[in-house]
């Protein structure tokens, strides 16, 4: 993305339900933008009709933004939003890429791009699996409330054998790193990397996963993790996550 365009778009992310109007200084502080740059871009957006300057010298979004929001295709879904990033991840890694959704106490695979490489791992759209095993489920489980995790454990076959302290430590690591990584946890010989996808409420109900034979994946773990983090931020931004949009413009 052209840096100036990215910075201009980042200004919109300074506004939210708790900050409907902001001063120039507040806008710059909320998106970590230099004062001079903030001044120049805010006035450009004001002249273009996307921002309105109020009597108290604060700024708010204009009705022009509301009009554009009304043009968003009502039927657009996670598949359409995620597909371009999924294709790029598959191209860069040569491995299987999936989008998964939280559904009850399980995760549902809703879209797949398979790798043409040998020793591929087969993941089918429509497949439902427990959240407790594998990176794909852990990337979703890590962002559930403690009481919800307790219910998920109780509803999962074999859940009574789960070491809760060990699980909590693993989920904390997922939150700290921003991704889940497992090897042979669900399927022997398979390594998976999964990242959470945030929506406009910053909630995690989808995850993006990369899976492949450990003999190919393990030597590329760090590079693949970085690719996945970038793809996750891109998809989350398109889903409306302000946090992800800010990360992309830094």
C-alpha atoms as a PDB file:
ATOM      1  CA  UNK A   1       0.000   0.000   0.000  1.00  0.00           C
ATOM      2  CA  UNK A   2       1.241   3.539  -0.791  1.00  0.00           C
ATOM      3  CA  UNK A   3       2.272   4.985   2.571  1.00  0.00           C
ATOM      4  CA  UNK A   4       0.362   8.271   2.231  1.00  0.00           C
ATOM      5  CA  UNK A   5      -2.821   6.434   1.298  1.00  0.00           C
ATOM      6  CA  UNK A   6      -2.396   4.016   4.188  1.00  0.00           C
ATOM      7  CA  UNK A   7      -1.914   6.873   6.637  1.00  0.00           C
ATOM      8  CA  UNK A   8      -4.949   8.720   5.318  1.00  0.00           C
ATOM      9  CA  UNK A   9      -7.094   5.624   5.702  1.00  0.00           C
ATOM     10  CA  UNK A  10      -5.702   5.049   9.197  1.00  0.00           C
ATOM     11  CA  UNK A  11      -7.320   8.314  10.293  1.00  0.00           C
ATOM     12  CA  UNK A  12     -10.751   6.717   9.912  1.00  0.00           C
ATOM     13  CA  UNK A  13      -9.660   4.035  12.384  1.00  0.00           C
ATOM     14  CA  UNK A  14      -9.112   6.682  15.060  1.00  0.00           C
ATOM     15  CA  UNK A  15     -12.892   6.997  15.384  1.00  0.00           C
ATOM     16  CA  UNK A  16     -15.070   4.448  17.151  1.00  0.00           C
ATOM     17  CA  UNK A  17     -18.260   4.337  19.221  1.00  0.00           C
ATOM     18  CA  UNK A  18     -16.477   5.852  22.226  1.00  0.00           C
ATOM     19  CA  UNK A  19     -14.705   8.515  20.134  1.00  0.00           C
ATOM     20  CA  UNK A  20     -17.225  10.009  17.713  1.00  0.00           C
ATOM     21  CA  UNK A  21     -15.365  13.322  17.547  1.00  0.00           C
ATOM     22  CA  UNK A  22     -11.674  14.034  18.078  1.00  0.00           C
ATOM     23  CA  UNK A  23      -9.224  16.914  18.015  1.00  0.00           C
ATOM     24  CA  UNK A  24      -6.206  16.884  15.725  1.00  0.00           C
ATOM     25  CA  UNK A  25      -3.995  15.975  18.664  1.00  0.00           C
ATOM     26  CA  UNK A  26      -6.280  13.132  19.717  1.00  0.00           C
ATOM     27  CA  UNK A  27      -6.396  11.713  16.202  1.00  0.00           C
ATOM     28  CA  UNK A  28      -2.611  11.696  15.962  1.00  0.00           C
ATOM     29  CA  UNK A  29      -2.202  10.152  19.411  1.00  0.00           C
ATOM     30  CA  UNK A  30      -4.715   7.363  18.766  1.00  0.00           C
ATOM     31  CA  UNK A  31      -3.000   6.194  15.565  1.00  0.00           C
ATOM     32  CA  UNK A  32       0.596   7.121  16.490  1.00  0.00           C
ATOM     33  CA  UNK A  33       0.933   9.618  13.653  1.00  0.00           C
ATOM     34  CA  UNK A  34       3.245  12.669  13.701  1.00  0.00           C
ATOM     35  CA  UNK A  35       1.492  15.986  14.357  1.00  0.00           C
ATOM     36  CA  UNK A  36       2.436  17.584  11.026  1.00  0.00           C
ATOM     37  CA  UNK A  37       1.305  14.523   9.049  1.00  0.00           C
ATOM     38  CA  UNK A  38      -1.969  14.357  10.966  1.00  0.00           C
ATOM     39  CA  UNK A  39      -2.638  18.057  10.297  1.00  0.00           C
ATOM     40  CA  UNK A  40      -1.999  17.703   6.557  1.00  0.00           C
ATOM     41  CA  UNK A  41      -4.059  14.541   6.050  1.00  0.00           C
ATOM     42  CA  UNK A  42      -6.986  15.601   8.233  1.00  0.00           C
ATOM     43  CA  UNK A  43      -7.352  18.830   6.281  1.00  0.00           C
ATOM     44  CA  UNK A  44      -7.130  16.890   3.009  1.00  0.00           C
ATOM     45  CA  UNK A  45      -9.934  14.569   4.132  1.00  0.00           C
ATOM     46  CA  UNK A  46     -11.962  17.553   5.328  1.00  0.00           C
ATOM     47  CA  UNK A  47     -11.676  19.258   1.940  1.00  0.00           C
ATOM     48  CA  UNK A  48     -12.644  15.995   0.241  1.00  0.00           C
ATOM     49  CA  UNK A  49     -15.786  15.824   2.359  1.00  0.00           C
ATOM     50  CA  UNK A  50     -14.961  12.765   4.456  1.00  0.00           C
ATOM     51  CA  UNK A  51     -14.445  14.682   7.716  1.00  0.00           C
ATOM     52  CA  UNK A  52     -16.370  17.575   9.247  1.00  0.00           C
ATOM     53  CA  UNK A  53     -14.803  20.203  11.517  1.00  0.00           C
ATOM     54  CA  UNK A  54     -17.108  21.080  14.398  1.00  0.00           C
ATOM     55  CA  UNK A  55     -17.468  24.390  16.213  1.00  0.00           C
ATOM     56  CA  UNK A  56     -15.266  23.132  19.050  1.00  0.00           C
ATOM     57  CA  UNK A  57     -12.464  22.469  16.516  1.00  0.00           C
ATOM     58  CA  UNK A  58     -12.887  18.716  16.780  1.00  0.00           C
ATOM     59  CA  UNK A  59     -13.511  16.475  13.768  1.00  0.00           C
ATOM     60  CA  UNK A  60     -16.068  13.776  13.057  1.00  0.00           C
ATOM     61  CA  UNK A  61     -16.865  11.474  10.148  1.00  0.00           C
ATOM     62  CA  UNK A  62     -19.163  12.979   7.529  1.00  0.00           C
ATOM     63  CA  UNK A  63     -22.372  11.631   6.040  1.00  0.00           C
ATOM     64  CA  UNK A  64     -20.347  10.877   2.909  1.00  0.00           C
ATOM     65  CA  UNK A  65     -18.772   7.986   4.845  1.00  0.00           C
ATOM     66  CA  UNK A  66     -22.257   6.778   5.844  1.00  0.00           C
ATOM     67  CA  UNK A  67     -23.309   6.813   2.185  1.00  0.00           C
ATOM     68  CA  UNK A  68     -20.324   4.704   1.182  1.00  0.00           C
ATOM     69  CA  UNK A  69     -20.961   2.287   4.053  1.00  0.00           C
ATOM     70  CA  UNK A  70     -24.466   1.752   2.708  1.00  0.00           C
ATOM     71  CA  UNK A  71     -23.008   0.567  -0.593  1.00  0.00           C
ATOM     72  CA  UNK A  72     -21.195  -2.404   0.983  1.00  0.00           C
ATOM     73  CA  UNK A  73     -22.541  -5.574  -0.578  1.00  0.00           C
ATOM     74  CA  UNK A  74     -24.916  -7.107   1.957  1.00  0.00           C
ATOM     75  CA  UNK A  75     -24.106 -10.670   0.969  1.00  0.00           C
ATOM     76  CA  UNK A  76     -20.336 -10.433   1.264  1.00  0.00           C
ATOM     77  CA  UNK A  77     -19.032 -13.189   3.504  1.00  0.00           C
ATOM     78  CA  UNK A  78     -15.841 -14.512   5.000  1.00  0.00           C
ATOM     79  CA  UNK A  79     -15.057 -16.569   1.876  1.00  0.00           C
ATOM     80  CA  UNK A  80     -15.087 -13.523  -0.404  1.00  0.00           C
ATOM     81  CA  UNK A  81     -13.121 -11.445   2.106  1.00  0.00           C
ATOM     82  CA  UNK A  82     -10.485 -14.095   2.820  1.00  0.00           C
ATOM     83  CA  UNK A  83      -9.983 -15.727  -0.597  1.00  0.00           C
ATOM     84  CA  UNK A  84      -7.369 -13.307  -2.014  1.00  0.00           C
ATOM     85  CA  UNK A  85      -5.193 -13.630   1.102  1.00  0.00           C
ATOM     86  CA  UNK A  86      -5.652 -17.407   1.161  1.00  0.00           C
ATOM     87  CA  UNK A  87      -4.515 -17.692  -2.453  1.00  0.00           C
ATOM     88  CA  UNK A  88      -1.438 -15.598  -1.702  1.00  0.00           C
ATOM     89  CA  UNK A  89      -0.547 -17.683   1.376  1.00  0.00           C
ATOM     90  CA  UNK A  90      -0.911 -20.888  -0.648  1.00  0.00           C
ATOM     91  CA  UNK A  91       1.311 -19.424  -3.368  1.00  0.00           C
ATOM     92  CA  UNK A  92       4.016 -18.343  -0.907  1.00  0.00           C
ATOM     93  CA  UNK A  93       4.058 -21.546   1.155  1.00  0.00           C
ATOM     94  CA  UNK A  94       2.902 -24.310  -1.183  1.00  0.00           C
ATOM     95  CA  UNK A  95       0.782 -25.764   1.640  1.00  0.00           C
ATOM     96  CA  UNK A  96      -2.926 -26.211   2.409  1.00  0.00           C
ATOM     97  CA  UNK A  97      -4.774 -23.115   3.622  1.00  0.00           C
ATOM     98  CA  UNK A  98      -8.160 -23.145   5.353  1.00  0.00           C
ATOM     99  CA  UNK A  99     -10.660 -20.745   6.891  1.00  0.00           C
ATOM    100  CA  UNK A 100     -12.431 -22.082   9.964  1.00  0.00           C
ATOM    101  CA  UNK A 101     -15.366 -20.832  12.004  1.00  0.00           C
ATOM    102  CA  UNK A 102     -16.355 -21.291  15.620  1.00  0.00           C
ATOM    103  CA  UNK A 103     -19.597 -23.266  15.766  1.00  0.00           C
ATOM    104  CA  UNK A 104     -20.843 -24.299  19.179  1.00  0.00           C
ATOM    105  CA  UNK A 105     -18.130 -26.318  20.873  1.00  0.00           C
ATOM    106  CA  UNK A 106     -16.376 -27.191  17.617  1.00  0.00           C
ATOM    107  CA  UNK A 107     -14.708 -25.574  14.649  1.00  0.00           C
ATOM    108  CA  UNK A 108     -16.027 -25.823  11.103  1.00  0.00           C
ATOM    109  CA  UNK A 109     -13.827 -25.714   7.999  1.00  0.00           C
ATOM    110  CA  UNK A 110     -15.639 -23.432   5.575  1.00  0.00           C
ATOM    111  CA  UNK A 111     -13.118 -22.997   2.759  1.00  0.00           C
ATOM    112  CA  UNK A 112      -9.953 -24.779   1.580  1.00  0.00           C
ATOM    113  CA  UNK A 113      -7.153 -24.150  -0.887  1.00  0.00           C
ATOM    114  CA  UNK A 114      -5.261 -27.415  -1.316  1.00  0.00           C
ATOM    115  CA  UNK A 115      -1.606 -27.675  -2.183  1.00  0.00           C
ATOM    116  CA  UNK A 116      -0.559 -29.533  -5.330  1.00  0.00           C
ATOM    117  CA  UNK A 117       2.557 -30.755  -3.499  1.00  0.00           C
ATOM    118  CA  UNK A 118       3.086 -34.418  -2.649  1.00  0.00           C
ATOM    119  CA  UNK A 119       2.575 -35.550   0.961  1.00  0.00           C
ATOM    120  CA  UNK A 120      -0.302 -33.092   1.202  1.00  0.00           C
ATOM    121  CA  UNK A 121      -2.708 -33.047   4.116  1.00  0.00           C
ATOM    122  CA  UNK A 122      -6.371 -33.321   3.129  1.00  0.00           C
ATOM    123  CA  UNK A 123      -8.794 -30.950   4.838  1.00  0.00           C
ATOM    124  CA  UNK A 124     -12.353 -30.879   3.552  1.00  0.00           C
ATOM    125  CA  UNK A 125     -14.776 -27.954   3.618  1.00  0.00           C
ATOM    126  CA  UNK A 126     -17.629 -28.830   5.971  1.00  0.00           C
ATOM    127  CA  UNK A 127     -15.385 -30.831   8.302  1.00  0.00           C
ATOM    128  CA  UNK A 128     -16.189 -30.301  11.999  1.00  0.00           C
ATOM    129  CA  UNK A 129     -13.596 -31.042  14.661  1.00  0.00           C
ATOM    130  CA  UNK A 130     -13.045 -30.357  18.379  1.00  0.00           C
ATOM    131  CA  UNK A 131     -11.384 -27.128  19.452  1.00  0.00           C
ATOM    132  CA  UNK A 132      -9.081 -28.792  21.973  1.00  0.00           C
ATOM    133  CA  UNK A 133      -6.650 -30.373  19.530  1.00  0.00           C
ATOM    134  CA  UNK A 134      -4.612 -28.740  16.767  1.00  0.00           C
ATOM    135  CA  UNK A 135      -3.565 -25.181  15.998  1.00  0.00           C
ATOM    136  CA  UNK A 136      -6.767 -24.383  14.104  1.00  0.00           C
ATOM    137  CA  UNK A 137      -8.949 -24.958  17.149  1.00  0.00           C
ATOM    138  CA  UNK A 138      -6.462 -23.404  19.590  1.00  0.00           C
ATOM    139  CA  UNK A 139      -6.458 -20.116  17.639  1.00  0.00           C
ATOM    140  CA  UNK A 140     -10.216 -19.938  18.268  1.00  0.00           C
ATOM    141  CA  UNK A 141     -10.174 -21.375  21.795  1.00  0.00           C
ATOM    142  CA  UNK A 142      -7.569 -18.864  23.017  1.00  0.00           C
ATOM    143  CA  UNK A 143     -10.052 -16.011  22.696  1.00  0.00           C
ATOM    144  CA  UNK A 144     -12.927 -17.620  24.560  1.00  0.00           C
ATOM    145  CA  UNK A 145     -13.835 -16.636  28.140  1.00  0.00           C
ATOM    146  CA  UNK A 146     -12.670 -18.958  30.928  1.00  0.00           C
ATOM    147  CA  UNK A 147     -16.177 -20.234  31.700  1.00  0.00           C
ATOM    148  CA  UNK A 148     -16.800 -20.923  28.002  1.00  0.00           C
ATOM    149  CA  UNK A 149     -13.563 -22.932  27.811  1.00  0.00           C
ATOM    150  CA  UNK A 150     -14.759 -24.963  30.791  1.00  0.00           C
ATOM    151  CA  UNK A 151     -18.015 -25.781  28.969  1.00  0.00           C
ATOM    152  CA  UNK A 152     -16.111 -26.684  25.784  1.00  0.00           C
ATOM    153  CA  UNK A 153     -13.845 -29.057  27.700  1.00  0.00           C
ATOM    154  CA  UNK A 154     -16.868 -30.710  29.344  1.00  0.00           C
ATOM    155  CA  UNK A 155     -18.635 -31.124  25.984  1.00  0.00           C
ATOM    156  CA  UNK A 156     -15.601 -32.639  24.221  1.00  0.00           C
ATOM    157  CA  UNK A 157     -15.081 -36.428  24.299  1.00  0.00           C
ATOM    158  CA  UNK A 158     -12.016 -37.112  26.408  1.00  0.00           C
ATOM    159  CA  UNK A 159     -12.152 -33.603  27.851  1.00  0.00           C
ATOM    160  CA  UNK A 160     -11.995 -34.972  31.380  1.00  0.00           C
ATOM    161  CA  UNK A 161      -8.359 -35.915  30.699  1.00  0.00           C
ATOM    162  CA  UNK A 162      -7.349 -32.361  29.762  1.00  0.00           C
ATOM    163  CA  UNK A 163      -4.789 -30.721  32.035  1.00  0.00           C
ATOM    164  CA  UNK A 164      -6.436 -27.304  32.456  1.00  0.00           C
ATOM    165  CA  UNK A 165      -3.297 -25.562  33.718  1.00  0.00           C
ATOM    166  CA  UNK A 166      -1.310 -26.841  30.745  1.00  0.00           C
ATOM    167  CA  UNK A 167      -4.072 -25.837  28.335  1.00  0.00           C
ATOM    168  CA  UNK A 168      -4.338 -22.342  29.829  1.00  0.00           C
ATOM    169  CA  UNK A 169      -0.566 -21.886  29.494  1.00  0.00           C
ATOM    170  CA  UNK A 170      -0.724 -22.961  25.839  1.00  0.00           C
ATOM    171  CA  UNK A 171      -3.597 -20.569  25.117  1.00  0.00           C
ATOM    172  CA  UNK A 172      -1.754 -17.715  26.817  1.00  0.00           C
ATOM    173  CA  UNK A 173       1.183 -18.349  24.503  1.00  0.00           C
ATOM    174  CA  UNK A 174      -1.166 -18.189  21.509  1.00  0.00           C
ATOM    175  CA  UNK A 175      -2.418 -14.785  22.652  1.00  0.00           C
ATOM    176  CA  UNK A 176       1.131 -13.563  23.279  1.00  0.00           C
ATOM    177  CA  UNK A 177       2.541 -14.701  19.925  1.00  0.00           C
ATOM    178  CA  UNK A 178      -0.593 -13.995  17.910  1.00  0.00           C
ATOM    179  CA  UNK A 179      -0.661 -17.495  16.424  1.00  0.00           C
ATOM    180  CA  UNK A 180      -0.984 -21.167  17.378  1.00  0.00           C
ATOM    181  CA  UNK A 181       1.534 -23.786  16.260  1.00  0.00           C
ATOM    182  CA  UNK A 182       1.210 -27.533  16.771  1.00  0.00           C
ATOM    183  CA  UNK A 183       3.026 -30.583  15.424  1.00  0.00           C
ATOM    184  CA  UNK A 184       1.370 -33.978  15.427  1.00  0.00           C
ATOM    185  CA  UNK A 185      -1.208 -32.881  17.984  1.00  0.00           C
ATOM    186  CA  UNK A 186      -4.252 -33.875  15.956  1.00  0.00           C
ATOM    187  CA  UNK A 187      -2.719 -35.841  13.067  1.00  0.00           C
ATOM    188  CA  UNK A 188       0.715 -37.524  13.398  1.00  0.00           C
ATOM    189  CA  UNK A 189       3.305 -36.054  11.044  1.00  0.00           C
ATOM    190  CA  UNK A 190       1.332 -32.862  10.417  1.00  0.00           C
ATOM    191  CA  UNK A 191       2.343 -29.360  11.511  1.00  0.00           C
ATOM    192  CA  UNK A 192      -0.163 -26.502  11.574  1.00  0.00           C
ATOM    193  CA  UNK A 193       0.023 -22.751  12.091  1.00  0.00           C
ATOM    194  CA  UNK A 194      -3.188 -20.827  12.712  1.00  0.00           C
ATOM    195  CA  UNK A 195      -3.986 -17.172  13.377  1.00  0.00           C
ATOM    196  CA  UNK A 196      -7.158 -15.609  14.810  1.00  0.00           C
ATOM    197  CA  UNK A 197      -9.267 -13.349  12.610  1.00  0.00           C
ATOM    198  CA  UNK A 198     -10.902 -10.334  14.277  1.00  0.00           C
ATOM    199  CA  UNK A 199     -14.113  -8.669  13.150  1.00  0.00           C
ATOM    200  CA  UNK A 200     -15.337  -5.089  13.594  1.00  0.00           C
ATOM    201  CA  UNK A 201     -16.069  -5.803  17.264  1.00  0.00           C
ATOM    202  CA  UNK A 202     -12.521  -7.203  17.706  1.00  0.00           C
ATOM    203  CA  UNK A 203     -14.091 -10.601  18.408  1.00  0.00           C
ATOM    204  CA  UNK A 204     -12.537 -13.843  17.138  1.00  0.00           C
ATOM    205  CA  UNK A 205     -14.992 -16.205  15.456  1.00  0.00           C
ATOM    206  CA  UNK A 206     -12.796 -17.265  12.527  1.00  0.00           C
ATOM    207  CA  UNK A 207      -9.253 -18.544  12.153  1.00  0.00           C
ATOM    208  CA  UNK A 208      -6.900 -18.892   9.191  1.00  0.00           C
ATOM    209  CA  UNK A 209      -4.819 -22.080   9.193  1.00  0.00           C
ATOM    210  CA  UNK A 210      -1.850 -23.439   7.275  1.00  0.00           C
ATOM    211  CA  UNK A 211      -1.225 -27.187   7.436  1.00  0.00           C
ATOM    212  CA  UNK A 212       1.283 -29.530   5.865  1.00  0.00           C
ATOM    213  CA  UNK A 213       3.646 -32.443   6.485  1.00  0.00           C
ATOM    214  CA  UNK A 214       6.087 -31.698   9.295  1.00  0.00           C
ATOM    215  CA  UNK A 215       9.013 -32.614   7.018  1.00  0.00           C
ATOM    216  CA  UNK A 216       8.171 -29.544   4.928  1.00  0.00           C
ATOM    217  CA  UNK A 217       6.651 -27.216   7.507  1.00  0.00           C
ATOM    218  CA  UNK A 218       9.099 -27.426  10.399  1.00  0.00           C
ATOM    219  CA  UNK A 219      12.124 -25.987   8.597  1.00  0.00           C
ATOM    220  CA  UNK A 220      10.001 -22.989   7.543  1.00  0.00           C
ATOM    221  CA  UNK A 221       8.172 -22.335  10.802  1.00  0.00           C
ATOM    222  CA  UNK A 222       9.347 -18.767  11.388  1.00  0.00           C
ATOM    223  CA  UNK A 223       8.836 -17.632   7.802  1.00  0.00           C
ATOM    224  CA  UNK A 224       5.433 -19.283   7.554  1.00  0.00           C
ATOM    225  CA  UNK A 225       4.356 -17.793  10.893  1.00  0.00           C
ATOM    226  CA  UNK A 226       5.215 -14.304   9.623  1.00  0.00           C
ATOM    227  CA  UNK A 227       3.284 -14.926   6.402  1.00  0.00           C
ATOM    228  CA  UNK A 228       0.279 -16.075   8.413  1.00  0.00           C
ATOM    229  CA  UNK A 229       0.383 -13.103  10.788  1.00  0.00           C
ATOM    230  CA  UNK A 230       0.404 -10.700   7.842  1.00  0.00           C
ATOM    231  CA  UNK A 231      -2.443 -12.548   6.108  1.00  0.00           C
ATOM    232  CA  UNK A 232      -4.458 -12.621   9.326  1.00  0.00           C
ATOM    233  CA  UNK A 233      -4.049  -8.879   9.782  1.00  0.00           C
ATOM    234  CA  UNK A 234      -5.075  -8.254   6.169  1.00  0.00           C
ATOM    235  CA  UNK A 235      -8.233 -10.363   6.460  1.00  0.00           C
ATOM    236  CA  UNK A 236      -9.113  -8.936   9.890  1.00  0.00           C
ATOM    237  CA  UNK A 237      -8.749  -5.417   8.522  1.00  0.00           C
ATOM    238  CA  UNK A 238     -11.147  -6.271   5.710  1.00  0.00           C
ATOM    239  CA  UNK A 239     -13.561  -7.671   8.315  1.00  0.00           C
ATOM    240  CA  UNK A 240     -13.524  -4.274  10.029  1.00  0.00           C
ATOM    241  CA  UNK A 241     -10.958  -4.742  12.789  1.00  0.00           C
ATOM    242  CA  UNK A 242      -9.499  -1.365  13.742  1.00  0.00           C
ATOM    243  CA  UNK A 243      -6.693  -3.084  15.650  1.00  0.00           C
ATOM    244  CA  UNK A 244      -5.632  -4.968  12.520  1.00  0.00           C
ATOM    245  CA  UNK A 245      -5.919  -1.890  10.316  1.00  0.00           C
ATOM    246  CA  UNK A 246      -3.624   0.049  12.634  1.00  0.00           C
ATOM    247  CA  UNK A 247      -1.100  -2.788  12.636  1.00  0.00           C
ATOM    248  CA  UNK A 248      -0.982  -2.765   8.840  1.00  0.00           C
ATOM    249  CA  UNK A 249      -0.262   0.964   8.678  1.00  0.00           C
ATOM    250  CA  UNK A 250       2.584   0.983  11.240  1.00  0.00           C
END
